[in-house]
């Protein structure tokens, strides 16, 4: 039976370090990137430091509202940035949610601590020039004589369009299966599932249809050749063969790191996703629709984007025109 302080009375002491290791492992299993895990560890180290410095112990069995308020005061004194305080409170909230799941606490005391209002950082999206540079490169790589290199080029086209076209996060793409691509009357939609909300679908641009269908047909052909069967949309491979289905969040980040260095462009999955938000705003989609597609709470603030919206313009139809032009030249060279 849980005590009035919000934790289980049967626990006289808990292994804080061991529980945090379990928490990090849970995040890793959920597909969080190494950089995200690093940030969680940094933020929880702040909490550990507080316990050692002020409470002289890492025993959290009596951690309840009075202690939560004291930690809030500690953050106020230590950090001048609202975002720094907010991030550390959010990390601790997530950790105590995990402790509730483990039945060490019956409720999350940190949810009683207000979060500092989030400062509206200015987004820094990938320029449309860099997006077109990457798109052109991925198309040109289709000319590779090696079947796996050609397939990888087509995979990268689909990756790019899921982020710039559909606003997906790396963590969403790492878990995605082929069944998540839904063919409509005109174009595809991508189905996104989250454990704490109903699934929702996002429309994808017109150019996604031919790029995806070429990719998936070639993928199935090579899966048959390599005697593989997997439901994931993407794959892990060495230079010679497909090894397995799925591509980790870190693997996706490496793909973009290599492309960025090779092409000398300023492009990351995050900046490409931010470009997608500007694209949607430019297309006239409402705030509530954009927030739904991004998978964020209704309270999420788009003012950071709207304040600088006039600086950025994106035209996904231009990618279709580049795609059509590339394939027309390809047919011309082949003699058809």
C-alpha atoms as a PDB file:
ATOM      1  CA  UNK A   1       0.000   0.000   0.000  1.00  0.00           C
ATOM      2  CA  UNK A   2       1.369   3.444  -0.937  1.00  0.00           C
ATOM      3  CA  UNK A   3       2.083   5.937   1.833  1.00  0.00           C
ATOM      4  CA  UNK A   4       0.658   9.458   1.959  1.00  0.00           C
ATOM      5  CA  UNK A   5       3.924  10.924   0.783  1.00  0.00           C
ATOM      6  CA  UNK A   6       3.369   9.381  -2.636  1.00  0.00           C
ATOM      7  CA  UNK A   7       5.909   6.527  -2.525  1.00  0.00           C
ATOM      8  CA  UNK A   8       5.657   2.917  -1.487  1.00  0.00           C
ATOM      9  CA  UNK A   9       6.148   2.438   2.243  1.00  0.00           C
ATOM     10  CA  UNK A  10       7.743  -0.957   1.664  1.00  0.00           C
ATOM     11  CA  UNK A  11      10.818   0.715   0.166  1.00  0.00           C
ATOM     12  CA  UNK A  12      13.161   1.860   2.898  1.00  0.00           C
ATOM     13  CA  UNK A  13      15.858   2.790   0.387  1.00  0.00           C
ATOM     14  CA  UNK A  14      16.292   2.640  -3.352  1.00  0.00           C
ATOM     15  CA  UNK A  15      19.335   2.316  -5.577  1.00  0.00           C
ATOM     16  CA  UNK A  16      19.180   5.658  -7.360  1.00  0.00           C
ATOM     17  CA  UNK A  17      22.078   4.955  -9.702  1.00  0.00           C
ATOM     18  CA  UNK A  18      20.715   1.550 -10.661  1.00  0.00           C
ATOM     19  CA  UNK A  19      17.260   2.996 -11.339  1.00  0.00           C
ATOM     20  CA  UNK A  20      18.727   5.717 -13.519  1.00  0.00           C
ATOM     21  CA  UNK A  21      20.637   3.114 -15.520  1.00  0.00           C
ATOM     22  CA  UNK A  22      17.328   1.288 -16.029  1.00  0.00           C
ATOM     23  CA  UNK A  23      15.689   4.556 -17.068  1.00  0.00           C
ATOM     24  CA  UNK A  24      18.387   5.237 -19.676  1.00  0.00           C
ATOM     25  CA  UNK A  25      18.013   1.713 -21.017  1.00  0.00           C
ATOM     26  CA  UNK A  26      14.253   2.235 -21.357  1.00  0.00           C
ATOM     27  CA  UNK A  27      14.874   5.431 -23.341  1.00  0.00           C
ATOM     28  CA  UNK A  28      17.384   3.611 -25.548  1.00  0.00           C
ATOM     29  CA  UNK A  29      14.850   0.856 -26.267  1.00  0.00           C
ATOM     30  CA  UNK A  30      12.340   3.544 -27.241  1.00  0.00           C
ATOM     31  CA  UNK A  31      14.739   4.691 -29.957  1.00  0.00           C
ATOM     32  CA  UNK A  32      16.067   7.847 -28.328  1.00  0.00           C
ATOM     33  CA  UNK A  33      19.281   9.065 -29.920  1.00  0.00           C
ATOM     34  CA  UNK A  34      22.653   8.971 -28.122  1.00  0.00           C
ATOM     35  CA  UNK A  35      22.561  12.766 -27.938  1.00  0.00           C
ATOM     36  CA  UNK A  36      19.159  12.678 -26.224  1.00  0.00           C
ATOM     37  CA  UNK A  37      20.414  10.075 -23.737  1.00  0.00           C
ATOM     38  CA  UNK A  38      23.449  12.249 -23.027  1.00  0.00           C
ATOM     39  CA  UNK A  39      21.185  15.224 -22.285  1.00  0.00           C
ATOM     40  CA  UNK A  40      19.035  13.176 -19.894  1.00  0.00           C
ATOM     41  CA  UNK A  41      22.148  12.010 -18.045  1.00  0.00           C
ATOM     42  CA  UNK A  42      23.438  15.581 -17.770  1.00  0.00           C
ATOM     43  CA  UNK A  43      20.091  16.840 -16.447  1.00  0.00           C
ATOM     44  CA  UNK A  44      19.722  14.038 -13.887  1.00  0.00           C
ATOM     45  CA  UNK A  45      23.312  14.540 -12.729  1.00  0.00           C
ATOM     46  CA  UNK A  46      22.147  17.983 -11.631  1.00  0.00           C
ATOM     47  CA  UNK A  47      19.517  16.284  -9.451  1.00  0.00           C
ATOM     48  CA  UNK A  48      22.067  13.814  -8.069  1.00  0.00           C
ATOM     49  CA  UNK A  49      24.422  16.692  -7.272  1.00  0.00           C
ATOM     50  CA  UNK A  50      21.609  18.475  -5.431  1.00  0.00           C
ATOM     51  CA  UNK A  51      20.888  15.411  -3.305  1.00  0.00           C
ATOM     52  CA  UNK A  52      24.542  14.943  -2.361  1.00  0.00           C
ATOM     53  CA  UNK A  53      25.284  18.624  -1.682  1.00  0.00           C
ATOM     54  CA  UNK A  54      22.144  19.613   0.188  1.00  0.00           C
ATOM     55  CA  UNK A  55      20.656  16.368   1.504  1.00  0.00           C
ATOM     56  CA  UNK A  56      23.958  14.509   1.941  1.00  0.00           C
ATOM     57  CA  UNK A  57      22.277  11.360   0.596  1.00  0.00           C
ATOM     58  CA  UNK A  58      20.936   9.911  -2.639  1.00  0.00           C
ATOM     59  CA  UNK A  59      18.052   8.207  -0.825  1.00  0.00           C
ATOM     60  CA  UNK A  60      14.850   9.458  -2.501  1.00  0.00           C
ATOM     61  CA  UNK A  61      12.303   7.408  -0.554  1.00  0.00           C
ATOM     62  CA  UNK A  62      11.065  10.562   1.195  1.00  0.00           C
ATOM     63  CA  UNK A  63      11.199  12.773  -1.872  1.00  0.00           C
ATOM     64  CA  UNK A  64       7.839  14.537  -1.934  1.00  0.00           C
ATOM     65  CA  UNK A  65       6.335  18.001  -2.360  1.00  0.00           C
ATOM     66  CA  UNK A  66       8.521  19.864   0.204  1.00  0.00           C
ATOM     67  CA  UNK A  67      11.671  18.350  -1.334  1.00  0.00           C
ATOM     68  CA  UNK A  68      10.357  19.048  -4.829  1.00  0.00           C
ATOM     69  CA  UNK A  69       9.936  22.735  -3.940  1.00  0.00           C
ATOM     70  CA  UNK A  70      13.433  22.856  -2.464  1.00  0.00           C
ATOM     71  CA  UNK A  71      14.835  21.423  -5.686  1.00  0.00           C
ATOM     72  CA  UNK A  72      12.889  24.047  -7.628  1.00  0.00           C
ATOM     73  CA  UNK A  73      14.491  26.767  -5.481  1.00  0.00           C
ATOM     74  CA  UNK A  74      17.899  25.170  -6.097  1.00  0.00           C
ATOM     75  CA  UNK A  75      17.365  25.372  -9.866  1.00  0.00           C
ATOM     76  CA  UNK A  76      16.196  28.979  -9.633  1.00  0.00           C
ATOM     77  CA  UNK A  77      19.393  29.945  -7.821  1.00  0.00           C
ATOM     78  CA  UNK A  78      21.730  27.886  -9.980  1.00  0.00           C
ATOM     79  CA  UNK A  79      20.432  28.642 -13.495  1.00  0.00           C
ATOM     80  CA  UNK A  80      19.473  32.024 -14.923  1.00  0.00           C
ATOM     81  CA  UNK A  81      18.066  30.490 -18.110  1.00  0.00           C
ATOM     82  CA  UNK A  82      14.392  29.484 -18.116  1.00  0.00           C
ATOM     83  CA  UNK A  83      15.176  26.786 -20.680  1.00  0.00           C
ATOM     84  CA  UNK A  84      17.928  25.269 -18.490  1.00  0.00           C
ATOM     85  CA  UNK A  85      15.561  25.025 -15.519  1.00  0.00           C
ATOM     86  CA  UNK A  86      12.721  23.750 -17.683  1.00  0.00           C
ATOM     87  CA  UNK A  87      14.852  21.003 -19.226  1.00  0.00           C
ATOM     88  CA  UNK A  88      16.043  19.716 -15.838  1.00  0.00           C
ATOM     89  CA  UNK A  89      12.519  19.666 -14.431  1.00  0.00           C
ATOM     90  CA  UNK A  90      11.233  17.810 -17.492  1.00  0.00           C
ATOM     91  CA  UNK A  91      14.025  15.216 -17.228  1.00  0.00           C
ATOM     92  CA  UNK A  92      13.219  14.644 -13.567  1.00  0.00           C
ATOM     93  CA  UNK A  93       9.511  14.356 -14.361  1.00  0.00           C
ATOM     94  CA  UNK A  94      10.238  11.673 -16.942  1.00  0.00           C
ATOM     95  CA  UNK A  95      12.471   9.822 -14.490  1.00  0.00           C
ATOM     96  CA  UNK A  96       9.795   9.828 -11.787  1.00  0.00           C
ATOM     97  CA  UNK A  97       7.220   8.663 -14.343  1.00  0.00           C
ATOM     98  CA  UNK A  98       9.549   5.689 -14.796  1.00  0.00           C
ATOM     99  CA  UNK A  99       9.662   5.174 -11.004  1.00  0.00           C
ATOM    100  CA  UNK A 100       5.849   5.122 -10.948  1.00  0.00           C
ATOM    101  CA  UNK A 101       5.919   2.447 -13.660  1.00  0.00           C
ATOM    102  CA  UNK A 102       8.335   0.458 -11.479  1.00  0.00           C
ATOM    103  CA  UNK A 103       5.880   0.840  -8.547  1.00  0.00           C
ATOM    104  CA  UNK A 104       8.479   2.580  -6.414  1.00  0.00           C
ATOM    105  CA  UNK A 105       6.265   5.673  -6.251  1.00  0.00           C
ATOM    106  CA  UNK A 106       2.485   5.621  -6.478  1.00  0.00           C
ATOM    107  CA  UNK A 107       2.389   9.086  -8.021  1.00  0.00           C
ATOM    108  CA  UNK A 108       4.855  11.532  -9.495  1.00  0.00           C
ATOM    109  CA  UNK A 109       5.664  14.310  -6.990  1.00  0.00           C
ATOM    110  CA  UNK A 110       7.657  16.286  -9.564  1.00  0.00           C
ATOM    111  CA  UNK A 111       4.468  16.985 -11.533  1.00  0.00           C
ATOM    112  CA  UNK A 112       3.567  19.409  -8.725  1.00  0.00           C
ATOM    113  CA  UNK A 113       6.548  21.600  -9.633  1.00  0.00           C
ATOM    114  CA  UNK A 114       5.744  24.293 -12.227  1.00  0.00           C
ATOM    115  CA  UNK A 115       7.945  24.337 -15.303  1.00  0.00           C
ATOM    116  CA  UNK A 116       9.533  27.616 -16.325  1.00  0.00           C
ATOM    117  CA  UNK A 117       7.945  29.078 -19.459  1.00  0.00           C
ATOM    118  CA  UNK A 118       9.855  28.002 -22.526  1.00  0.00           C
ATOM    119  CA  UNK A 119      11.889  30.688 -24.206  1.00  0.00           C
ATOM    120  CA  UNK A 120      11.068  30.916 -27.885  1.00  0.00           C
ATOM    121  CA  UNK A 121      14.351  29.990 -29.511  1.00  0.00           C
ATOM    122  CA  UNK A 122      14.576  31.056 -33.124  1.00  0.00           C
ATOM    123  CA  UNK A 123      14.521  28.004 -35.415  1.00  0.00           C
ATOM    124  CA  UNK A 124      17.371  27.535 -37.881  1.00  0.00           C
ATOM    125  CA  UNK A 125      15.975  25.480 -40.776  1.00  0.00           C
ATOM    126  CA  UNK A 126      17.960  24.066 -43.647  1.00  0.00           C
ATOM    127  CA  UNK A 127      17.975  26.480 -46.576  1.00  0.00           C
ATOM    128  CA  UNK A 128      16.013  25.453 -49.633  1.00  0.00           C
ATOM    129  CA  UNK A 129      19.236  25.686 -51.657  1.00  0.00           C
ATOM    130  CA  UNK A 130      20.820  22.986 -49.471  1.00  0.00           C
ATOM    131  CA  UNK A 131      17.672  20.863 -49.659  1.00  0.00           C
ATOM    132  CA  UNK A 132      17.781  20.977 -53.470  1.00  0.00           C
ATOM    133  CA  UNK A 133      21.507  20.195 -53.421  1.00  0.00           C
ATOM    134  CA  UNK A 134      20.895  17.077 -51.328  1.00  0.00           C
ATOM    135  CA  UNK A 135      17.910  16.044 -53.448  1.00  0.00           C
ATOM    136  CA  UNK A 136      19.879  16.359 -56.687  1.00  0.00           C
ATOM    137  CA  UNK A 137      22.746  14.336 -55.198  1.00  0.00           C
ATOM    138  CA  UNK A 138      20.450  11.510 -54.052  1.00  0.00           C
ATOM    139  CA  UNK A 139      18.947  11.330 -57.538  1.00  0.00           C
ATOM    140  CA  UNK A 140      22.340  11.256 -59.239  1.00  0.00           C
ATOM    141  CA  UNK A 141      23.466   8.422 -56.962  1.00  0.00           C
ATOM    142  CA  UNK A 142      20.812   6.217 -58.579  1.00  0.00           C
ATOM    143  CA  UNK A 143      23.235   5.841 -61.473  1.00  0.00           C
ATOM    144  CA  UNK A 144      25.486   3.619 -59.360  1.00  0.00           C
ATOM    145  CA  UNK A 145      26.176   0.294 -61.048  1.00  0.00           C
ATOM    146  CA  UNK A 146      26.094  -1.523 -57.724  1.00  0.00           C
ATOM    147  CA  UNK A 147      22.502  -2.522 -56.893  1.00  0.00           C
ATOM    148  CA  UNK A 148      22.943  -1.871 -53.157  1.00  0.00           C
ATOM    149  CA  UNK A 149      24.380   1.605 -53.772  1.00  0.00           C
ATOM    150  CA  UNK A 150      21.430   2.409 -56.016  1.00  0.00           C
ATOM    151  CA  UNK A 151      19.012   1.133 -53.370  1.00  0.00           C
ATOM    152  CA  UNK A 152      20.756   3.206 -50.690  1.00  0.00           C
ATOM    153  CA  UNK A 153      20.362   6.323 -52.846  1.00  0.00           C
ATOM    154  CA  UNK A 154      16.643   5.626 -53.184  1.00  0.00           C
ATOM    155  CA  UNK A 155      16.408   4.944 -49.447  1.00  0.00           C
ATOM    156  CA  UNK A 156      17.951   8.354 -48.756  1.00  0.00           C
ATOM    157  CA  UNK A 157      15.383   9.997 -51.034  1.00  0.00           C
ATOM    158  CA  UNK A 158      12.583   8.438 -48.995  1.00  0.00           C
ATOM    159  CA  UNK A 159      14.279   9.417 -45.712  1.00  0.00           C
ATOM    160  CA  UNK A 160      14.586  12.995 -46.861  1.00  0.00           C
ATOM    161  CA  UNK A 161      10.954  13.197 -47.980  1.00  0.00           C
ATOM    162  CA  UNK A 162       9.624  11.716 -44.737  1.00  0.00           C
ATOM    163  CA  UNK A 163      11.353  14.507 -42.808  1.00  0.00           C
ATOM    164  CA  UNK A 164      10.962  17.482 -45.161  1.00  0.00           C
ATOM    165  CA  UNK A 165       7.658  16.236 -46.556  1.00  0.00           C
ATOM    166  CA  UNK A 166       6.077  14.752 -43.439  1.00  0.00           C
ATOM    167  CA  UNK A 167       7.904  16.361 -40.519  1.00  0.00           C
ATOM    168  CA  UNK A 168       8.874  13.025 -38.942  1.00  0.00           C
ATOM    169  CA  UNK A 169      11.440  12.827 -36.149  1.00  0.00           C
ATOM    170  CA  UNK A 170      14.417  10.485 -36.253  1.00  0.00           C
ATOM    171  CA  UNK A 171      12.837   8.447 -33.445  1.00  0.00           C
ATOM    172  CA  UNK A 172       9.663   7.994 -35.534  1.00  0.00           C
ATOM    173  CA  UNK A 173      11.577   6.923 -38.626  1.00  0.00           C
ATOM    174  CA  UNK A 174      13.764   4.443 -36.716  1.00  0.00           C
ATOM    175  CA  UNK A 175      10.679   2.395 -35.792  1.00  0.00           C
ATOM    176  CA  UNK A 176       8.703   2.783 -39.016  1.00  0.00           C
ATOM    177  CA  UNK A 177       7.401  -0.238 -40.922  1.00  0.00           C
ATOM    178  CA  UNK A 178       6.363  -0.540 -44.549  1.00  0.00           C
ATOM    179  CA  UNK A 179       2.754  -0.956 -43.410  1.00  0.00           C
ATOM    180  CA  UNK A 180       2.817   2.650 -42.137  1.00  0.00           C
ATOM    181  CA  UNK A 181       2.748   3.960 -45.726  1.00  0.00           C
ATOM    182  CA  UNK A 182      -0.875   4.300 -46.809  1.00  0.00           C
ATOM    183  CA  UNK A 183      -1.769   4.829 -50.483  1.00  0.00           C
ATOM    184  CA  UNK A 184      -4.569   7.335 -51.015  1.00  0.00           C
ATOM    185  CA  UNK A 185      -6.441   8.311 -54.156  1.00  0.00           C
ATOM    186  CA  UNK A 186      -3.646  10.692 -55.116  1.00  0.00           C
ATOM    187  CA  UNK A 187      -0.668  10.540 -52.772  1.00  0.00           C
ATOM    188  CA  UNK A 188       0.640   8.577 -49.824  1.00  0.00           C
ATOM    189  CA  UNK A 189       0.144   9.316 -46.151  1.00  0.00           C
ATOM    190  CA  UNK A 190       2.370   8.073 -43.342  1.00  0.00           C
ATOM    191  CA  UNK A 191       0.777   6.606 -40.221  1.00  0.00           C
ATOM    192  CA  UNK A 192       2.472   7.598 -36.957  1.00  0.00           C
ATOM    193  CA  UNK A 193       1.802   5.671 -33.750  1.00  0.00           C
ATOM    194  CA  UNK A 194       2.635   6.794 -30.215  1.00  0.00           C
ATOM    195  CA  UNK A 195       2.078   4.846 -26.978  1.00  0.00           C
ATOM    196  CA  UNK A 196       0.226   7.717 -25.246  1.00  0.00           C
ATOM    197  CA  UNK A 197      -2.060   8.968 -28.039  1.00  0.00           C
ATOM    198  CA  UNK A 198      -4.140   7.725 -30.933  1.00  0.00           C
ATOM    199  CA  UNK A 199      -2.351   7.080 -34.240  1.00  0.00           C
ATOM    200  CA  UNK A 200      -2.532   9.856 -36.819  1.00  0.00           C
ATOM    201  CA  UNK A 201      -1.512  10.202 -40.450  1.00  0.00           C
ATOM    202  CA  UNK A 202       0.412  12.903 -42.287  1.00  0.00           C
ATOM    203  CA  UNK A 203       0.053  13.667 -46.012  1.00  0.00           C
ATOM    204  CA  UNK A 204       3.216  13.317 -48.066  1.00  0.00           C
ATOM    205  CA  UNK A 205       4.168  15.385 -51.124  1.00  0.00           C
ATOM    206  CA  UNK A 206       3.410  14.298 -54.659  1.00  0.00           C
ATOM    207  CA  UNK A 207       7.027  13.429 -55.426  1.00  0.00           C
ATOM    208  CA  UNK A 208       7.031  10.877 -52.616  1.00  0.00           C
ATOM    209  CA  UNK A 209       4.867   8.467 -54.642  1.00  0.00           C
ATOM    210  CA  UNK A 210       7.313   7.641 -57.490  1.00  0.00           C
ATOM    211  CA  UNK A 211      10.366   7.859 -55.215  1.00  0.00           C
ATOM    212  CA  UNK A 212       8.872   5.481 -52.657  1.00  0.00           C
ATOM    213  CA  UNK A 213       7.499   2.979 -55.163  1.00  0.00           C
ATOM    214  CA  UNK A 214      10.853   2.704 -56.936  1.00  0.00           C
ATOM    215  CA  UNK A 215      12.557   2.219 -53.588  1.00  0.00           C
ATOM    216  CA  UNK A 216      10.167  -0.396 -52.219  1.00  0.00           C
ATOM    217  CA  UNK A 217      10.168  -2.436 -55.441  1.00  0.00           C
ATOM    218  CA  UNK A 218      13.971  -2.539 -55.493  1.00  0.00           C
ATOM    219  CA  UNK A 219      14.092  -3.303 -51.763  1.00  0.00           C
ATOM    220  CA  UNK A 220      11.793  -6.302 -52.186  1.00  0.00           C
ATOM    221  CA  UNK A 221      13.891  -7.560 -55.081  1.00  0.00           C
ATOM    222  CA  UNK A 222      17.114  -7.420 -53.047  1.00  0.00           C
ATOM    223  CA  UNK A 223      15.442  -8.907 -49.967  1.00  0.00           C
ATOM    224  CA  UNK A 224      14.464 -11.889 -52.095  1.00  0.00           C
ATOM    225  CA  UNK A 225      17.992 -12.176 -53.482  1.00  0.00           C
ATOM    226  CA  UNK A 226      19.511 -12.076 -49.990  1.00  0.00           C
ATOM    227  CA  UNK A 227      16.801 -14.399 -48.600  1.00  0.00           C
ATOM    228  CA  UNK A 228      15.641 -11.818 -46.066  1.00  0.00           C
ATOM    229  CA  UNK A 229      12.229 -10.971 -44.714  1.00  0.00           C
ATOM    230  CA  UNK A 230      11.514  -8.032 -42.412  1.00  0.00           C
ATOM    231  CA  UNK A 231       8.638  -5.554 -41.943  1.00  0.00           C
ATOM    232  CA  UNK A 232      10.766  -2.427 -41.450  1.00  0.00           C
ATOM    233  CA  UNK A 233      10.788   0.230 -44.142  1.00  0.00           C
ATOM    234  CA  UNK A 234      14.548   0.800 -43.939  1.00  0.00           C
ATOM    235  CA  UNK A 235      17.542  -1.474 -43.618  1.00  0.00           C
ATOM    236  CA  UNK A 236      21.012  -1.838 -42.176  1.00  0.00           C
ATOM    237  CA  UNK A 237      23.703  -2.889 -44.665  1.00  0.00           C
ATOM    238  CA  UNK A 238      27.415  -3.107 -45.308  1.00  0.00           C
ATOM    239  CA  UNK A 239      28.833  -2.230 -48.774  1.00  0.00           C
ATOM    240  CA  UNK A 240      27.991  -5.709 -50.057  1.00  0.00           C
ATOM    241  CA  UNK A 241      24.645  -6.848 -48.684  1.00  0.00           C
ATOM    242  CA  UNK A 242      21.609  -6.023 -46.599  1.00  0.00           C
ATOM    243  CA  UNK A 243      22.232  -7.228 -43.061  1.00  0.00           C
ATOM    244  CA  UNK A 244      18.875  -6.687 -41.368  1.00  0.00           C
ATOM    245  CA  UNK A 245      15.706  -4.637 -41.285  1.00  0.00           C
ATOM    246  CA  UNK A 246      15.529  -1.383 -39.411  1.00  0.00           C
ATOM    247  CA  UNK A 247      17.867   1.560 -39.031  1.00  0.00           C
ATOM    248  CA  UNK A 248      18.584   2.935 -35.560  1.00  0.00           C
ATOM    249  CA  UNK A 249      18.165   6.583 -34.633  1.00  0.00           C
ATOM    250  CA  UNK A 250      21.946   6.896 -34.459  1.00  0.00           C
ATOM    251  CA  UNK A 251      22.274   5.165 -37.831  1.00  0.00           C
ATOM    252  CA  UNK A 252      19.927   7.750 -39.337  1.00  0.00           C
ATOM    253  CA  UNK A 253      21.959  10.587 -37.846  1.00  0.00           C
ATOM    254  CA  UNK A 254      25.137   9.086 -39.320  1.00  0.00           C
ATOM    255  CA  UNK A 255      23.507   8.964 -42.777  1.00  0.00           C
ATOM    256  CA  UNK A 256      22.883  12.709 -42.638  1.00  0.00           C
ATOM    257  CA  UNK A 257      26.277  13.458 -41.106  1.00  0.00           C
ATOM    258  CA  UNK A 258      28.011  11.741 -44.023  1.00  0.00           C
ATOM    259  CA  UNK A 259      25.841  13.508 -46.603  1.00  0.00           C
ATOM    260  CA  UNK A 260      26.406  16.876 -44.921  1.00  0.00           C
ATOM    261  CA  UNK A 261      30.176  16.465 -44.947  1.00  0.00           C
ATOM    262  CA  UNK A 262      30.291  15.157 -48.511  1.00  0.00           C
ATOM    263  CA  UNK A 263      28.149  17.975 -49.922  1.00  0.00           C
ATOM    264  CA  UNK A 264      29.405  20.689 -47.526  1.00  0.00           C
ATOM    265  CA  UNK A 265      25.865  21.784 -46.654  1.00  0.00           C
ATOM    266  CA  UNK A 266      24.196  22.844 -43.419  1.00  0.00           C
ATOM    267  CA  UNK A 267      21.626  20.106 -42.934  1.00  0.00           C
ATOM    268  CA  UNK A 268      20.579  17.891 -40.034  1.00  0.00           C
ATOM    269  CA  UNK A 269      17.367  15.927 -39.437  1.00  0.00           C
ATOM    270  CA  UNK A 270      16.303  18.658 -36.980  1.00  0.00           C
ATOM    271  CA  UNK A 271      16.931  21.548 -39.382  1.00  0.00           C
ATOM    272  CA  UNK A 272      15.198  19.627 -42.180  1.00  0.00           C
ATOM    273  CA  UNK A 273      12.174  19.070 -39.915  1.00  0.00           C
ATOM    274  CA  UNK A 274      12.117  22.777 -39.062  1.00  0.00           C
ATOM    275  CA  UNK A 275      12.070  23.523 -42.787  1.00  0.00           C
ATOM    276  CA  UNK A 276       8.988  21.315 -43.021  1.00  0.00           C
ATOM    277  CA  UNK A 277       7.207  23.481 -40.426  1.00  0.00           C
ATOM    278  CA  UNK A 278       7.939  26.613 -42.461  1.00  0.00           C
ATOM    279  CA  UNK A 279       6.739  24.796 -45.582  1.00  0.00           C
ATOM    280  CA  UNK A 280       3.420  23.942 -43.884  1.00  0.00           C
ATOM    281  CA  UNK A 281       2.994  27.512 -42.661  1.00  0.00           C
ATOM    282  CA  UNK A 282       3.656  28.772 -46.182  1.00  0.00           C
ATOM    283  CA  UNK A 283       1.014  26.369 -47.513  1.00  0.00           C
ATOM    284  CA  UNK A 284      -1.530  27.957 -45.176  1.00  0.00           C
ATOM    285  CA  UNK A 285      -2.102  25.074 -42.765  1.00  0.00           C
ATOM    286  CA  UNK A 286      -3.532  26.089 -39.395  1.00  0.00           C
ATOM    287  CA  UNK A 287      -1.662  25.863 -36.102  1.00  0.00           C
ATOM    288  CA  UNK A 288      -3.752  22.989 -34.752  1.00  0.00           C
ATOM    289  CA  UNK A 289      -3.168  20.934 -37.903  1.00  0.00           C
ATOM    290  CA  UNK A 290       0.590  21.538 -37.857  1.00  0.00           C
ATOM    291  CA  UNK A 291       0.797  20.627 -34.155  1.00  0.00           C
ATOM    292  CA  UNK A 292      -1.105  17.392 -34.828  1.00  0.00           C
ATOM    293  CA  UNK A 293       1.278  16.444 -37.638  1.00  0.00           C
ATOM    294  CA  UNK A 294       4.292  17.281 -35.465  1.00  0.00           C
ATOM    295  CA  UNK A 295       2.893  15.103 -32.679  1.00  0.00           C
ATOM    296  CA  UNK A 296       3.171  17.905 -30.101  1.00  0.00           C
ATOM    297  CA  UNK A 297       0.773  19.091 -27.408  1.00  0.00           C
ATOM    298  CA  UNK A 298      -1.850  21.760 -28.222  1.00  0.00           C
ATOM    299  CA  UNK A 299       0.075  24.092 -25.906  1.00  0.00           C
ATOM    300  CA  UNK A 300       3.150  23.955 -28.185  1.00  0.00           C
ATOM    301  CA  UNK A 301       3.988  27.472 -29.330  1.00  0.00           C
ATOM    302  CA  UNK A 302       4.652  28.155 -33.013  1.00  0.00           C
ATOM    303  CA  UNK A 303       5.443  31.847 -32.474  1.00  0.00           C
ATOM    304  CA  UNK A 304       9.170  31.139 -32.840  1.00  0.00           C
ATOM    305  CA  UNK A 305       8.433  30.085 -36.429  1.00  0.00           C
ATOM    306  CA  UNK A 306       5.878  32.776 -37.189  1.00  0.00           C
ATOM    307  CA  UNK A 307       8.136  35.561 -35.951  1.00  0.00           C
ATOM    308  CA  UNK A 308      10.651  34.790 -38.730  1.00  0.00           C
ATOM    309  CA  UNK A 309       8.346  33.181 -41.283  1.00  0.00           C
ATOM    310  CA  UNK A 310       8.991  35.884 -43.874  1.00  0.00           C
ATOM    311  CA  UNK A 311      12.685  34.881 -44.023  1.00  0.00           C
ATOM    312  CA  UNK A 312      12.053  31.368 -45.339  1.00  0.00           C
ATOM    313  CA  UNK A 313      10.261  29.980 -48.385  1.00  0.00           C
ATOM    314  CA  UNK A 314      10.046  26.339 -49.441  1.00  0.00           C
ATOM    315  CA  UNK A 315       8.463  24.790 -52.527  1.00  0.00           C
ATOM    316  CA  UNK A 316       8.089  21.021 -52.404  1.00  0.00           C
ATOM    317  CA  UNK A 317       6.728  21.065 -55.974  1.00  0.00           C
ATOM    318  CA  UNK A 318      10.215  22.136 -57.099  1.00  0.00           C
ATOM    319  CA  UNK A 319      11.517  18.750 -55.885  1.00  0.00           C
ATOM    320  CA  UNK A 320       8.974  17.050 -58.147  1.00  0.00           C
ATOM    321  CA  UNK A 321      10.159  19.153 -61.083  1.00  0.00           C
ATOM    322  CA  UNK A 322      13.797  18.217 -60.385  1.00  0.00           C
ATOM    323  CA  UNK A 323      12.759  14.561 -60.082  1.00  0.00           C
ATOM    324  CA  UNK A 324      10.847  14.620 -63.385  1.00  0.00           C
ATOM    325  CA  UNK A 325      13.688  16.404 -65.169  1.00  0.00           C
ATOM    326  CA  UNK A 326      16.231  13.894 -63.871  1.00  0.00           C
ATOM    327  CA  UNK A 327      14.169  10.910 -65.025  1.00  0.00           C
ATOM    328  CA  UNK A 328      13.492  12.492 -68.423  1.00  0.00           C
ATOM    329  CA  UNK A 329      17.248  12.855 -68.989  1.00  0.00           C
ATOM    330  CA  UNK A 330      17.739   9.306 -67.733  1.00  0.00           C
ATOM    331  CA  UNK A 331      15.259   7.986 -70.314  1.00  0.00           C
ATOM    332  CA  UNK A 332      16.856  10.090 -73.019  1.00  0.00           C
ATOM    333  CA  UNK A 333      20.296   8.633 -72.316  1.00  0.00           C
ATOM    334  CA  UNK A 334      18.906   5.098 -72.408  1.00  0.00           C
ATOM    335  CA  UNK A 335      17.518   5.664 -75.897  1.00  0.00           C
ATOM    336  CA  UNK A 336      13.770   5.551 -75.106  1.00  0.00           C
END
